[in-house]
Amino acid sequence: MKAGIVGAGSLGCIFSYIFYKSDLDFVVYEKDNETVQEIQAKGLTVSDINKEINIKIFISSNVEILSSCDLIFLLVKSYSTEEAIKSIKPYLKDNSIIISLQNGIGNFETICNFIDKDQVVYGTTTIGASKKSPSHVIAGGYGYIKIGSPSTTALNNVVSFLNKTTIELYSTENPSLAVWEKAIINAGINPIASVLNITNGEIIKIPFASSIQDSIVQEACTVAAKSGIEMDYNSMLATVKEVCQKTAKNKCSMLQDVLQKRKTEIDSINGFILKRAKKLGLAAPVNETMFNLIKSIEEKYINI
């Protein structure tokens, strides 16, 4: 099977490296011409556990390269999901499978507005990376992928492809739970780290920041439960604290976006939790405050 990666950001580039190492057939579509030209000219440099490697990948800003792909890995930021799926859909095979491993909640639903749900596989990944430049990605640790789908056939095709890589892979009958769990982890870490400009580990070392984290997770778990996603608060909070410890030196992706003066994914994380809370008649004041703070920071550089 042939794969197409949509988006040459941090995740798209690290997946390109993983697929390259596994000798898989894939292409990369990136709409930004400057990024494409730089990677075409310089190759893709990957800093990975005490070594640096430069690889040549097939990348293009011509969306038609996706027309021969069986699997489409949608690895754009959550706020670009609708734009991306609308732009690529006319060029896809009728039976192409879309795979979403994006941050935030709601990507699956957005994709299903344009693609049959039986052709969508979705879930989460803990694989991390950051960009040093458009053509240089730094591996941030190889975690796992957890995916599911309304269609067993679609899921099996993706599992078969990914099993040819070194990625630790899990399939689940409840991918929505996995998506909510990761979103709550992100909600409890990203905005706090971004507002305070601190690493993940510093959050749990500062009592005031840790207390804010507790409240964010509690509100989010209540919203999840009312949305039909059963979530144990104590267990979820312990998971969030554990992630902070395991990634203590990391600057989260939202903080990296803020430092680079880019739009963040706050809308699909705390913003989604807040929107869902209001729809359900629930209060989520701490999530609302963090959402407003990140939006205020964005306002300073996006709308100048």
Protein backbone atom coordinates (compact mmCIF):
# COMPACT_ATOMS: atom_id res chain seq x y z
CA MET A 1 0.00 0.00 0.00
CA LYS A 2 1.09 3.55 -0.67
CA ALA A 3 0.75 6.30 1.92
CA GLY A 4 0.39 10.02 1.58
CA ILE A 5 1.38 12.34 4.41
CA VAL A 6 -0.49 15.64 4.49
CA GLY A 7 1.54 18.31 6.25
CA ALA A 8 5.31 18.65 6.61
CA GLY A 9 5.28 20.02 10.13
CA SER A 10 7.00 18.33 13.06
CA LEU A 11 4.75 15.25 13.07
CA GLY A 12 4.63 14.93 9.29
CA CYS A 13 8.42 15.03 9.09
CA ILE A 14 9.01 12.52 11.88
CA PHE A 15 6.50 10.13 10.28
CA SER A 16 8.32 10.62 6.98
CA TYR A 17 11.52 9.53 8.72
CA ILE A 18 9.81 6.50 10.30
CA PHE A 19 8.33 5.43 6.96
CA TYR A 20 11.68 6.03 5.23
CA LYS A 21 13.52 3.83 7.76
CA SER A 22 10.92 1.12 7.23
CA ASP A 23 11.34 1.28 3.43
CA LEU A 24 7.64 2.06 2.90
CA ASP A 25 6.14 3.63 -0.21
CA PHE A 26 4.99 7.18 0.63
CA VAL A 27 4.81 10.78 -0.57
CA VAL A 28 4.42 14.05 1.31
CA TYR A 29 2.04 16.84 0.37
CA GLU A 30 2.74 20.27 1.84
CA LYS A 31 0.93 23.37 0.62
CA ASP A 32 3.71 25.78 1.67
CA ASN A 33 6.02 26.20 -1.32
CA GLU A 34 8.97 27.52 0.69
CA THR A 35 8.99 24.45 2.94
CA VAL A 36 8.73 22.14 -0.07
CA GLN A 37 11.56 23.88 -1.93
CA GLU A 38 13.84 23.81 1.11
CA ILE A 39 13.31 20.08 1.72
CA GLN A 40 13.71 19.34 -1.99
CA ALA A 41 16.99 21.29 -2.07
CA LYS A 42 18.51 20.28 1.27
CA GLY A 43 16.80 16.98 2.03
CA LEU A 44 15.17 16.34 5.40
CA THR A 45 17.58 16.41 8.33
CA VAL A 46 16.55 14.39 11.38
CA SER A 47 18.23 14.68 14.80
CA ASP A 48 17.59 11.35 16.46
CA ILE A 49 19.18 9.94 19.66
CA ASN A 50 22.83 10.93 19.35
CA LYS A 51 22.86 10.97 15.56
CA GLU A 52 21.90 13.23 12.71
CA ILE A 53 20.78 11.87 9.36
CA ASN A 54 19.78 13.52 6.10
CA ILE A 55 17.24 11.75 3.93
CA LYS A 56 15.64 12.40 0.57
CA ILE A 57 11.85 12.19 0.49
CA PHE A 58 9.34 12.82 -2.27
CA ILE A 59 7.57 16.03 -1.29
CA SER A 60 5.45 18.35 -3.40
CA SER A 61 3.01 21.24 -3.14
CA ASN A 62 1.01 19.64 -5.96
CA VAL A 63 -1.96 17.93 -4.28
CA GLU A 64 -2.31 15.55 -7.23
CA ILE A 65 0.52 13.41 -5.81
CA LEU A 66 -2.06 12.03 -3.36
CA SER A 67 -4.15 10.50 -6.17
CA SER A 68 -2.14 7.26 -6.11
CA CYS A 69 -2.26 6.85 -2.31
CA ASP A 70 -4.29 4.23 -0.46
CA LEU A 71 -3.72 5.70 3.00
CA ILE A 72 -3.76 9.41 3.83
CA PHE A 73 -2.11 10.44 7.10
CA LEU A 74 -3.64 13.80 7.96
CA LEU A 75 -0.98 15.41 10.18
CA VAL A 76 -1.89 19.09 10.02
CA LYS A 77 -2.79 21.25 13.02
CA SER A 78 -6.37 20.78 14.20
CA TYR A 79 -7.42 24.26 13.09
CA SER A 80 -6.44 23.31 9.52
CA THR A 81 -8.38 20.03 9.39
CA GLU A 82 -11.40 21.30 7.44
CA GLU A 83 -9.34 23.31 4.96
CA ALA A 84 -6.98 20.36 4.39
CA ILE A 85 -9.66 17.70 3.87
CA LYS A 86 -11.65 19.94 1.51
CA SER A 87 -8.56 20.71 -0.57
CA ILE A 88 -7.39 17.09 -0.92
CA LYS A 89 -10.73 15.29 -1.30
CA PRO A 90 -11.14 15.85 -5.09
CA TYR A 91 -7.78 14.15 -5.69
CA LEU A 92 -8.23 11.06 -3.51
CA LYS A 93 -9.12 7.54 -4.60
CA ASP A 94 -12.74 6.63 -3.89
CA ASN A 95 -11.60 4.09 -1.30
CA SER A 96 -8.71 6.00 0.27
CA ILE A 97 -8.50 5.74 4.06
CA ILE A 98 -7.93 8.90 6.09
CA ILE A 99 -5.89 8.55 9.30
CA SER A 100 -6.06 11.33 11.90
CA LEU A 101 -3.59 11.38 14.79
CA GLN A 102 -4.07 15.05 15.52
CA ASN A 103 -4.31 16.88 18.81
CA GLY A 104 -7.63 18.06 20.16
CA ILE A 105 -11.22 16.86 19.97
CA GLY A 106 -13.50 17.08 16.94
CA ASN A 107 -11.14 16.20 14.08
CA PHE A 108 -12.94 12.91 13.37
CA GLU A 109 -16.30 14.66 13.19
CA THR A 110 -14.89 17.38 10.91
CA ILE A 111 -13.38 14.80 8.55
CA CYS A 112 -16.65 12.84 8.47
CA ASN A 113 -18.43 15.93 7.15
CA PHE A 114 -16.59 15.26 3.89
CA ILE A 115 -15.48 11.59 3.99
CA ASP A 116 -17.54 8.46 4.78
CA LYS A 117 -16.87 7.48 8.40
CA ASP A 118 -16.03 3.92 7.32
CA GLN A 119 -13.01 5.36 5.51
CA VAL A 120 -11.68 7.15 8.59
CA VAL A 121 -9.28 5.76 11.19
CA TYR A 122 -8.49 8.01 14.13
CA GLY A 123 -6.82 8.10 17.49
CA THR A 124 -3.75 9.49 19.21
CA THR A 125 0.01 9.27 19.25
CA THR A 126 2.63 10.08 21.85
CA ILE A 127 5.35 10.33 19.21
CA GLY A 128 6.90 13.75 19.61
CA ALA A 129 9.05 16.06 17.52
CA SER A 130 9.96 19.70 17.07
CA LYS A 131 11.17 21.71 14.10
CA LYS A 132 14.57 23.43 14.11
CA SER A 133 13.94 24.72 10.60
CA PRO A 134 11.56 23.80 7.75
CA SER A 135 13.96 21.03 6.67
CA HIS A 136 15.28 19.95 10.10
CA VAL A 137 13.22 17.97 12.61
CA ILE A 138 14.28 16.87 16.09
CA ALA A 139 12.84 13.58 17.34
CA GLY A 140 11.27 14.06 20.74
CA GLY A 141 10.83 10.43 21.68
CA TYR A 142 9.13 7.44 20.11
CA GLY A 143 5.88 6.68 21.85
CA TYR A 144 2.89 4.71 20.67
CA ILE A 145 -0.12 5.02 18.39
CA LYS A 146 -3.61 4.09 19.54
CA ILE A 147 -6.24 3.94 16.78
CA GLY A 148 -9.73 2.71 16.01
CA SER A 149 -12.39 3.04 13.34
CA PRO A 150 -16.08 2.39 12.68
CA SER A 151 -14.78 0.04 9.96
CA THR A 152 -12.82 -3.09 10.88
CA THR A 153 -11.57 -3.36 7.28
CA ALA A 154 -10.16 0.18 7.26
CA LEU A 155 -8.55 -0.33 10.67
CA ASN A 156 -6.96 -3.63 9.62
CA ASN A 157 -5.46 -2.02 6.50
CA VAL A 158 -3.86 0.74 8.54
CA VAL A 159 -2.64 -1.68 11.22
CA SER A 160 -1.10 -3.88 8.52
CA PHE A 161 0.78 -0.88 7.09
CA LEU A 162 1.98 0.48 10.45
CA ASN A 163 3.07 -2.95 11.66
CA LYS A 164 5.84 -2.72 9.06
CA THR A 165 7.35 0.11 11.11
CA THR A 166 8.94 0.09 14.57
CA ILE A 167 6.01 2.05 16.04
CA GLU A 168 4.34 0.57 19.12
CA LEU A 169 0.75 0.15 17.91
CA TYR A 170 -2.53 -0.45 19.73
CA SER A 171 -6.01 -0.78 18.27
CA THR A 172 -9.04 0.18 20.32
CA GLU A 173 -12.79 -0.20 20.02
CA ASN A 174 -13.19 3.21 21.63
CA PRO A 175 -10.87 5.70 19.89
CA SER A 176 -13.01 8.60 21.17
CA LEU A 177 -11.93 7.75 24.72
CA ALA A 178 -8.27 7.87 23.64
CA VAL A 179 -8.83 11.23 21.94
CA TRP A 180 -10.52 12.67 25.04
CA GLU A 181 -7.78 11.35 27.32
CA LYS A 182 -5.05 12.97 25.26
CA ALA A 183 -7.03 16.19 24.95
CA ILE A 184 -7.39 16.37 28.74
CA ILE A 185 -3.65 15.77 29.15
CA ASN A 186 -2.99 18.60 26.68
CA ALA A 187 -5.58 20.81 28.36
CA GLY A 188 -3.91 20.32 31.73
CA ILE A 189 -0.40 21.04 30.49
CA ASN A 190 -0.24 23.17 27.36
CA PRO A 191 -1.97 26.44 28.32
CA ILE A 192 -0.32 26.59 31.76
CA ALA A 193 3.14 26.00 30.31
CA SER A 194 2.46 28.50 27.52
CA VAL A 195 1.18 31.31 29.75
CA LEU A 196 4.01 30.88 32.27
CA ASN A 197 6.69 30.00 29.67
CA ILE A 198 7.81 26.93 31.61
CA THR A 199 8.59 23.29 30.87
CA ASN A 200 6.10 20.52 31.57
CA GLY A 201 7.95 19.42 34.68
CA GLU A 202 7.91 22.87 36.24
CA ILE A 203 4.09 22.85 36.34
CA ILE A 204 3.96 20.21 39.08
CA LYS A 205 6.82 21.86 41.00
CA ILE A 206 4.89 25.14 41.35
CA PRO A 207 1.98 24.61 43.77
CA PHE A 208 -0.15 27.38 42.24
CA ALA A 209 0.31 26.04 38.71
CA SER A 210 -0.34 22.48 39.88
CA SER A 211 -3.58 23.62 41.52
CA ILE A 212 -4.73 25.21 38.26
CA GLN A 213 -3.95 21.93 36.51
CA ASP A 214 -6.08 20.00 39.02
CA SER A 215 -9.07 22.26 38.32
CA ILE A 216 -8.69 22.05 34.54
CA VAL A 217 -8.66 18.25 34.67
CA GLN A 218 -11.62 18.10 37.07
CA GLU A 219 -13.75 20.34 34.85
CA ALA A 220 -12.73 18.41 31.72
CA CYS A 221 -13.56 15.03 33.27
CA THR A 222 -17.01 16.31 34.25
CA VAL A 223 -17.63 17.52 30.70
CA ALA A 224 -16.38 14.22 29.26
CA ALA A 225 -18.68 12.19 31.54
CA LYS A 226 -21.69 14.31 30.53
CA SER A 227 -20.68 13.71 26.90
CA GLY A 228 -20.85 9.97 27.37
CA ILE A 229 -17.10 9.47 27.84
CA GLU A 230 -16.60 7.88 31.25
CA MET A 231 -13.49 9.28 32.89
CA ASP A 232 -12.20 8.75 36.43
CA TYR A 233 -10.88 12.07 37.72
CA ASN A 234 -8.26 10.68 40.11
CA SER A 235 -6.90 8.30 37.49
CA MET A 236 -6.85 11.00 34.81
CA LEU A 237 -5.15 13.51 37.10
CA ALA A 238 -2.50 10.93 38.02
CA THR A 239 -1.88 10.37 34.30
CA VAL A 240 -1.46 14.12 33.68
CA LYS A 241 1.03 14.42 36.55
CA GLU A 242 2.91 11.37 35.26
CA VAL A 243 3.18 12.89 31.79
CA CYS A 244 4.60 16.06 33.36
CA GLN A 245 7.23 13.96 35.13
CA LYS A 246 8.12 11.86 32.08
CA THR A 247 8.38 14.93 29.82
CA ALA A 248 9.77 17.22 32.51
CA LYS A 249 12.29 18.99 30.25
CA ASN A 250 9.94 19.34 27.27
CA LYS A 251 8.52 22.57 26.02
CA CYS A 252 5.02 21.59 24.90
CA SER A 253 3.87 22.18 21.33
CA MET A 254 1.62 25.08 22.35
CA LEU A 255 4.50 26.89 24.05
CA GLN A 256 6.61 26.33 20.94
CA ASP A 257 3.80 27.88 18.87
CA VAL A 258 3.59 30.88 21.20
CA LEU A 259 7.36 31.42 21.18
CA GLN A 260 7.31 31.24 17.36
CA LYS A 261 4.29 33.56 17.26
CA ARG A 262 2.11 30.96 15.54
CA LYS A 263 -1.55 30.14 15.99
CA THR A 264 -2.08 27.50 18.69
CA GLU A 265 -4.48 24.55 18.91
CA ILE A 266 -6.25 25.94 21.98
CA ASP A 267 -9.64 25.95 20.18
CA SER A 268 -9.72 22.16 19.86
CA ILE A 269 -8.38 21.53 23.39
CA ASN A 270 -9.56 23.81 26.23
CA GLY A 271 -11.72 25.67 23.73
CA PHE A 272 -13.59 22.49 22.79
CA ILE A 273 -14.05 21.55 26.46
CA LEU A 274 -15.42 25.03 27.17
CA LYS A 275 -17.76 24.96 24.16
CA ARG A 276 -19.08 21.51 25.10
CA ALA A 277 -19.53 22.61 28.74
CA LYS A 278 -21.68 25.56 27.70
CA LYS A 279 -23.73 23.31 25.41
CA LEU A 280 -24.37 20.97 28.34
CA GLY A 281 -25.15 23.80 30.75
CA LEU A 282 -21.99 23.22 32.77
CA ALA A 283 -19.48 25.71 34.12
CA ALA A 284 -15.80 25.39 33.26
CA PRO A 285 -14.32 28.64 34.63
CA VAL A 286 -10.67 27.56 34.79
CA ASN A 287 -10.69 26.18 31.25
CA GLU A 288 -12.39 29.40 30.16
CA THR A 289 -9.72 31.53 31.84
CA MET A 290 -6.87 29.55 30.26
CA PHE A 291 -8.59 29.69 26.88
CA ASN A 292 -9.00 33.48 27.16
CA LEU A 293 -5.37 33.93 28.23
CA ILE A 294 -3.99 31.96 25.27
CA LYS A 295 -6.33 33.80 22.90
CA SER A 296 -5.08 37.10 24.35
CA ILE A 297 -1.46 36.05 23.77
CA GLU A 298 -2.30 35.07 20.17
CA GLU A 299 -4.06 38.40 19.66
CA LYS A 300 -0.82 40.23 20.42
CA TYR A 301 1.01 38.80 17.43
CA ILE A 302 -1.59 37.33 15.02
CA ASN A 303 -3.77 40.41 14.54
CA ILE A 304 -1.15 43.13 14.73
